[in-house]
Amino acid sequence: MRPTAVESCFEIAFWFLDRALNDGEYLQPPKLQRLMYLAQAYYGVVQNGAKLMPATFIAADDGPQEPTIFRAFARGRPMVDLKPVDEVAHHLLDSVWRQFGAYSVDKLNDLVKKHPPYADAMAVSPLAEISLGAMIEFYGERNAAKARGKDAAAPSAEKMMRPKVLRNAVGKPVSVKGWLPKRVP
């Protein structure tokens, strides 16, 4: 099994909380939970099945929930030593925030509750685990394309991921994408 991008789910939770604070927004706990869920799903798609964080999401009544974060934040922001988030994870978290951060809690809940990974787990039983495989399958390119006309549509990982913006020699911003050379037979 491949290692996760971060050592604990606290790095991701605090990244979203700090980002919201920097944007002058209060991040409600349910919204934090949904953003973490989406980050885990899209990271799995982008990184070919790897986990962003060592987290298990369950199908709670109000939406996907990571129980460790839910309990740890029950009495407010806990004191936790954090390690920095690497560049790949940071880029993904930034993309998730830009795509879904402006959504209200209710809109984000309604959206995610319609998605098959949550709905299928909830149909099995409340508090059933939402598998990473189901998340990757749904949020992946092919399945997101299939659901585009439905209420349960989710943006594809390619559309959700923001291009990296770097500066050229004179300081103007330019968008860049990764490049791989063609294989020579």
C-alpha atoms as a PDB file:
ATOM      1  CA  MET A   1       0.000   0.000   0.000  1.00  0.00           C
ATOM      2  CA  ARG A   2       1.291   3.439  -0.912  1.00  0.00           C
ATOM      3  CA  PRO A   3       1.929   6.003   1.823  1.00  0.00           C
ATOM      4  CA  THR A   4      -0.507   8.863   2.259  1.00  0.00           C
ATOM      5  CA  ALA A   5       0.439  12.409   1.267  1.00  0.00           C
ATOM      6  CA  VAL A   6       0.180  13.588   4.893  1.00  0.00           C
ATOM      7  CA  GLU A   7       0.662  11.794   8.208  1.00  0.00           C
ATOM      8  CA  SER A   8      -2.746  12.618   9.666  1.00  0.00           C
ATOM      9  CA  CYS A   9      -6.073  14.093   8.662  1.00  0.00           C
ATOM     10  CA  PHE A  10      -5.352  17.037  10.965  1.00  0.00           C
ATOM     11  CA  GLU A  11      -2.973  18.557   8.385  1.00  0.00           C
ATOM     12  CA  ILE A  12      -5.830  18.676   5.876  1.00  0.00           C
ATOM     13  CA  ALA A  13      -8.402  19.950   8.368  1.00  0.00           C
ATOM     14  CA  PHE A  14      -6.111  22.741   9.538  1.00  0.00           C
ATOM     15  CA  TRP A  15      -5.176  23.604   5.940  1.00  0.00           C
ATOM     16  CA  PHE A  16      -8.859  24.216   5.115  1.00  0.00           C
ATOM     17  CA  LEU A  17      -9.492  26.074   8.388  1.00  0.00           C
ATOM     18  CA  ASP A  18      -6.483  28.337   7.850  1.00  0.00           C
ATOM     19  CA  ARG A  19      -7.412  28.945   4.203  1.00  0.00           C
ATOM     20  CA  ALA A  20     -10.945  29.949   5.207  1.00  0.00           C
ATOM     21  CA  LEU A  21      -9.554  32.234   7.902  1.00  0.00           C
ATOM     22  CA  ASN A  22      -7.201  33.862   5.369  1.00  0.00           C
ATOM     23  CA  ASP A  23     -10.211  34.441   3.090  1.00  0.00           C
ATOM     24  CA  GLY A  24     -12.150  36.014   5.971  1.00  0.00           C
ATOM     25  CA  GLU A  25     -14.609  33.133   6.249  1.00  0.00           C
ATOM     26  CA  TYR A  26     -15.734  30.976   9.139  1.00  0.00           C
ATOM     27  CA  LEU A  27     -15.573  27.334   8.101  1.00  0.00           C
ATOM     28  CA  GLN A  28     -18.460  25.437   9.653  1.00  0.00           C
ATOM     29  CA  PRO A  29     -17.670  21.881  10.808  1.00  0.00           C
ATOM     30  CA  PRO A  30     -20.037  20.179   8.302  1.00  0.00           C
ATOM     31  CA  LYS A  31     -18.479  22.119   5.441  1.00  0.00           C
ATOM     32  CA  LEU A  32     -15.004  21.146   6.638  1.00  0.00           C
ATOM     33  CA  GLN A  33     -16.081  17.502   6.604  1.00  0.00           C
ATOM     34  CA  ARG A  34     -17.417  17.713   3.020  1.00  0.00           C
ATOM     35  CA  LEU A  35     -14.315  19.509   1.755  1.00  0.00           C
ATOM     36  CA  MET A  36     -12.079  16.874   3.322  1.00  0.00           C
ATOM     37  CA  TYR A  37     -14.185  14.131   1.737  1.00  0.00           C
ATOM     38  CA  LEU A  38     -13.955  15.752  -1.704  1.00  0.00           C
ATOM     39  CA  ALA A  39     -10.211  16.311  -1.277  1.00  0.00           C
ATOM     40  CA  GLN A  40      -9.694  12.631  -0.447  1.00  0.00           C
ATOM     41  CA  ALA A  41     -11.784  11.559  -3.460  1.00  0.00           C
ATOM     42  CA  TYR A  42     -10.129  13.855  -6.001  1.00  0.00           C
ATOM     43  CA  TYR A  43      -6.642  13.102  -4.685  1.00  0.00           C
ATOM     44  CA  GLY A  44      -7.355   9.416  -5.208  1.00  0.00           C
ATOM     45  CA  VAL A  45      -8.372  10.147  -8.807  1.00  0.00           C
ATOM     46  CA  VAL A  46      -5.424  12.408  -9.584  1.00  0.00           C
ATOM     47  CA  GLN A  47      -2.838  10.183  -7.866  1.00  0.00           C
ATOM     48  CA  ASN A  48      -4.102   6.854  -9.267  1.00  0.00           C
ATOM     49  CA  GLY A  49      -5.629   5.443  -6.094  1.00  0.00           C
ATOM     50  CA  ALA A  50      -3.336   6.948  -3.470  1.00  0.00           C
ATOM     51  CA  LYS A  51      -4.846   8.369  -0.293  1.00  0.00           C
ATOM     52  CA  LEU A  52      -4.374  12.011   0.610  1.00  0.00           C
ATOM     53  CA  MET A  53      -4.739  11.294   4.320  1.00  0.00           C
ATOM     54  CA  PRO A  54      -5.136   8.247   6.525  1.00  0.00           C
ATOM     55  CA  ALA A  55      -8.859   8.805   6.957  1.00  0.00           C
ATOM     56  CA  THR A  56     -12.025   6.744   6.820  1.00  0.00           C
ATOM     57  CA  PHE A  57     -15.225   8.472   5.814  1.00  0.00           C
ATOM     58  CA  ILE A  58     -18.582   7.196   6.984  1.00  0.00           C
ATOM     59  CA  ALA A  59     -22.096   7.918   5.731  1.00  0.00           C
ATOM     60  CA  ALA A  60     -23.563   9.986   8.570  1.00  0.00           C
ATOM     61  CA  ASP A  61     -27.096  11.385   8.382  1.00  0.00           C
ATOM     62  CA  ASP A  62     -25.923  14.858   7.421  1.00  0.00           C
ATOM     63  CA  GLY A  63     -23.296  13.703   4.881  1.00  0.00           C
ATOM     64  CA  PRO A  64     -19.847  12.112   4.673  1.00  0.00           C
ATOM     65  CA  GLN A  65     -17.947  12.409   7.917  1.00  0.00           C
ATOM     66  CA  GLU A  66     -14.452  11.615   9.148  1.00  0.00           C
ATOM     67  CA  PRO A  67     -15.126  10.474  12.750  1.00  0.00           C
ATOM     68  CA  THR A  68     -11.683  11.296  14.147  1.00  0.00           C
ATOM     69  CA  ILE A  69     -11.886  14.929  13.043  1.00  0.00           C
ATOM     70  CA  PHE A  70     -15.528  15.111  14.122  1.00  0.00           C
ATOM     71  CA  ARG A  71     -14.674  14.057  17.678  1.00  0.00           C
ATOM     72  CA  ALA A  72     -11.405  15.978  17.916  1.00  0.00           C
ATOM     73  CA  PHE A  73     -13.092  19.250  16.960  1.00  0.00           C
ATOM     74  CA  ALA A  74     -16.166  18.710  19.184  1.00  0.00           C
ATOM     75  CA  ARG A  75     -14.820  21.145  21.796  1.00  0.00           C
ATOM     76  CA  GLY A  76     -13.142  23.561  19.411  1.00  0.00           C
ATOM     77  CA  ARG A  77      -9.836  23.649  17.605  1.00  0.00           C
ATOM     78  CA  PRO A  78      -7.484  21.088  19.187  1.00  0.00           C
ATOM     79  CA  MET A  79      -3.820  21.682  19.870  1.00  0.00           C
ATOM     80  CA  VAL A  80      -1.975  19.454  17.411  1.00  0.00           C
ATOM     81  CA  ASP A  81       1.566  19.485  16.055  1.00  0.00           C
ATOM     82  CA  LEU A  82       1.373  19.646  12.285  1.00  0.00           C
ATOM     83  CA  LYS A  83       3.744  18.899   9.458  1.00  0.00           C
ATOM     84  CA  PRO A  84       3.709  20.885   6.213  1.00  0.00           C
ATOM     85  CA  VAL A  85       1.592  19.698   3.293  1.00  0.00           C
ATOM     86  CA  ASP A  86       3.626  18.844   0.179  1.00  0.00           C
ATOM     87  CA  GLU A  87       3.261  20.750  -3.095  1.00  0.00           C
ATOM     88  CA  VAL A  88       1.061  18.186  -4.878  1.00  0.00           C
ATOM     89  CA  ALA A  89      -1.382  17.953  -1.972  1.00  0.00           C
ATOM     90  CA  HIS A  90      -1.336  21.738  -1.535  1.00  0.00           C
ATOM     91  CA  HIS A  91      -2.237  22.248  -5.204  1.00  0.00           C
ATOM     92  CA  LEU A  92      -5.124  19.786  -4.911  1.00  0.00           C
ATOM     93  CA  LEU A  93      -6.420  21.363  -1.686  1.00  0.00           C
ATOM     94  CA  ASP A  94      -6.258  24.789  -3.302  1.00  0.00           C
ATOM     95  CA  SER A  95      -8.229  23.466  -6.288  1.00  0.00           C
ATOM     96  CA  VAL A  96     -10.889  21.897  -4.041  1.00  0.00           C
ATOM     97  CA  TRP A  97     -11.174  25.149  -2.095  1.00  0.00           C
ATOM     98  CA  ARG A  98     -11.531  27.226  -5.261  1.00  0.00           C
ATOM     99  CA  GLN A  99     -14.138  24.849  -6.706  1.00  0.00           C
ATOM    100  CA  PHE A 100     -16.247  24.174  -3.608  1.00  0.00           C
ATOM    101  CA  GLY A 101     -15.199  26.698  -0.944  1.00  0.00           C
ATOM    102  CA  ALA A 102     -17.780  29.283  -1.983  1.00  0.00           C
ATOM    103  CA  TYR A 103     -20.645  26.796  -1.659  1.00  0.00           C
ATOM    104  CA  SER A 104     -22.903  27.154   1.355  1.00  0.00           C
ATOM    105  CA  VAL A 105     -23.026  24.263   3.807  1.00  0.00           C
ATOM    106  CA  ASP A 106     -26.513  23.342   2.601  1.00  0.00           C
ATOM    107  CA  LYS A 107     -25.563  23.372  -1.069  1.00  0.00           C
ATOM    108  CA  LEU A 108     -22.430  21.305  -0.438  1.00  0.00           C
ATOM    109  CA  ASN A 109     -24.415  18.813   1.671  1.00  0.00           C
ATOM    110  CA  ASP A 110     -27.130  18.496  -0.982  1.00  0.00           C
ATOM    111  CA  LEU A 111     -24.539  17.999  -3.710  1.00  0.00           C
ATOM    112  CA  VAL A 112     -22.460  15.363  -1.928  1.00  0.00           C
ATOM    113  CA  LYS A 113     -25.467  13.448  -0.571  1.00  0.00           C
ATOM    114  CA  LYS A 114     -26.641  12.864  -4.170  1.00  0.00           C
ATOM    115  CA  HIS A 115     -23.325  11.325  -5.183  1.00  0.00           C
ATOM    116  CA  PRO A 116     -23.349   7.503  -5.419  1.00  0.00           C
ATOM    117  CA  PRO A 117     -20.440   6.796  -3.015  1.00  0.00           C
ATOM    118  CA  TYR A 118     -22.353   8.414  -0.145  1.00  0.00           C
ATOM    119  CA  ALA A 119     -25.815   7.298  -1.246  1.00  0.00           C
ATOM    120  CA  ASP A 120     -24.717   3.667  -1.704  1.00  0.00           C
ATOM    121  CA  ALA A 121     -23.017   3.544   1.708  1.00  0.00           C
ATOM    122  CA  MET A 122     -26.046   5.144   3.355  1.00  0.00           C
ATOM    123  CA  ALA A 123     -28.310   2.569   1.684  1.00  0.00           C
ATOM    124  CA  VAL A 124     -26.250  -0.205   3.289  1.00  0.00           C
ATOM    125  CA  SER A 125     -26.513   1.327   6.739  1.00  0.00           C
ATOM    126  CA  PRO A 126     -26.146   4.679   8.466  1.00  0.00           C
ATOM    127  CA  LEU A 127     -22.514   5.051   9.547  1.00  0.00           C
ATOM    128  CA  ALA A 128     -21.343   2.582   6.879  1.00  0.00           C
ATOM    129  CA  GLU A 129     -17.858   3.203   5.526  1.00  0.00           C
ATOM    130  CA  ILE A 130     -17.583   4.977   2.184  1.00  0.00           C
ATOM    131  CA  SER A 131     -14.902   3.109   0.264  1.00  0.00           C
ATOM    132  CA  LEU A 132     -12.077   4.968  -1.393  1.00  0.00           C
ATOM    133  CA  GLY A 133     -12.586   2.787  -4.470  1.00  0.00           C
ATOM    134  CA  ALA A 134     -16.190   3.983  -4.838  1.00  0.00           C
ATOM    135  CA  MET A 135     -15.041   7.589  -4.406  1.00  0.00           C
ATOM    136  CA  ILE A 136     -12.335   7.238  -7.049  1.00  0.00           C
ATOM    137  CA  GLU A 137     -14.691   5.474  -9.446  1.00  0.00           C
ATOM    138  CA  PHE A 138     -17.358   8.172  -9.213  1.00  0.00           C
ATOM    139  CA  TYR A 139     -15.138  11.256  -9.165  1.00  0.00           C
ATOM    140  CA  GLY A 140     -12.909   9.894 -11.915  1.00  0.00           C
ATOM    141  CA  GLU A 141     -13.057  11.283 -15.441  1.00  0.00           C
ATOM    142  CA  ARG A 142     -15.232   8.621 -17.087  1.00  0.00           C
ATOM    143  CA  ASN A 143     -17.886   8.382 -14.385  1.00  0.00           C
ATOM    144  CA  ALA A 144     -18.137  12.120 -13.842  1.00  0.00           C
ATOM    145  CA  ALA A 145     -18.768  12.433 -17.581  1.00  0.00           C
ATOM    146  CA  LYS A 146     -21.567   9.825 -17.387  1.00  0.00           C
ATOM    147  CA  ALA A 147     -23.333  11.747 -14.613  1.00  0.00           C
ATOM    148  CA  ARG A 148     -23.081  15.217 -16.189  1.00  0.00           C
ATOM    149  CA  GLY A 149     -26.765  15.370 -17.131  1.00  0.00           C
ATOM    150  CA  LYS A 150     -27.960  14.174 -13.716  1.00  0.00           C
ATOM    151  CA  ASP A 151     -28.432  15.930 -10.392  1.00  0.00           C
ATOM    152  CA  ALA A 152     -25.537  13.904  -9.011  1.00  0.00           C
ATOM    153  CA  ALA A 153     -23.017  15.373 -11.455  1.00  0.00           C
ATOM    154  CA  ALA A 154     -19.587  16.191 -10.087  1.00  0.00           C
ATOM    155  CA  PRO A 155     -16.895  18.082 -11.950  1.00  0.00           C
ATOM    156  CA  SER A 156     -14.244  15.852 -13.431  1.00  0.00           C
ATOM    157  CA  ALA A 157     -10.855  15.888 -11.762  1.00  0.00           C
ATOM    158  CA  GLU A 158      -9.395  17.595 -14.828  1.00  0.00           C
ATOM    159  CA  LYS A 159     -11.928  20.438 -14.605  1.00  0.00           C
ATOM    160  CA  MET A 160     -11.684  20.702 -10.841  1.00  0.00           C
ATOM    161  CA  MET A 161      -7.887  20.935 -10.745  1.00  0.00           C
ATOM    162  CA  ARG A 162      -6.705  24.475 -11.290  1.00  0.00           C
ATOM    163  CA  PRO A 163      -3.718  24.946 -13.573  1.00  0.00           C
ATOM    164  CA  LYS A 164      -0.579  25.931 -11.749  1.00  0.00           C
ATOM    165  CA  VAL A 165       0.164  29.597 -12.209  1.00  0.00           C
ATOM    166  CA  LEU A 166       3.806  30.546 -12.344  1.00  0.00           C
ATOM    167  CA  ARG A 167       5.542  33.739 -13.376  1.00  0.00           C
ATOM    168  CA  ASN A 168       7.615  34.179 -16.515  1.00  0.00           C
ATOM    169  CA  ALA A 169      10.919  36.064 -16.686  1.00  0.00           C
ATOM    170  CA  VAL A 170       9.215  39.476 -16.667  1.00  0.00           C
ATOM    171  CA  GLY A 171       6.816  38.600 -13.851  1.00  0.00           C
ATOM    172  CA  LYS A 172       3.639  37.965 -15.848  1.00  0.00           C
ATOM    173  CA  PRO A 173       1.498  35.028 -14.697  1.00  0.00           C
ATOM    174  CA  VAL A 174       1.408  32.002 -16.991  1.00  0.00           C
ATOM    175  CA  SER A 175      -0.570  28.758 -16.647  1.00  0.00           C
ATOM    176  CA  VAL A 176       1.410  25.556 -16.839  1.00  0.00           C
ATOM    177  CA  LYS A 177       0.577  21.878 -17.094  1.00  0.00           C
ATOM    178  CA  GLY A 178       2.777  18.880 -16.553  1.00  0.00           C
ATOM    179  CA  TRP A 179       4.459  17.527 -19.674  1.00  0.00           C
ATOM    180  CA  LEU A 180       5.655  14.056 -20.430  1.00  0.00           C
ATOM    181  CA  PRO A 181       7.714  13.314 -23.514  1.00  0.00           C
ATOM    182  CA  LYS A 182       6.396  10.801 -26.030  1.00  0.00           C
ATOM    183  CA  ARG A 183       7.884   7.344 -25.850  1.00  0.00           C
ATOM    184  CA  VAL A 184      10.115   6.403 -28.730  1.00  0.00           C
ATOM    185  CA  PRO A 185       9.500   2.814 -29.888  1.00  0.00           C
END
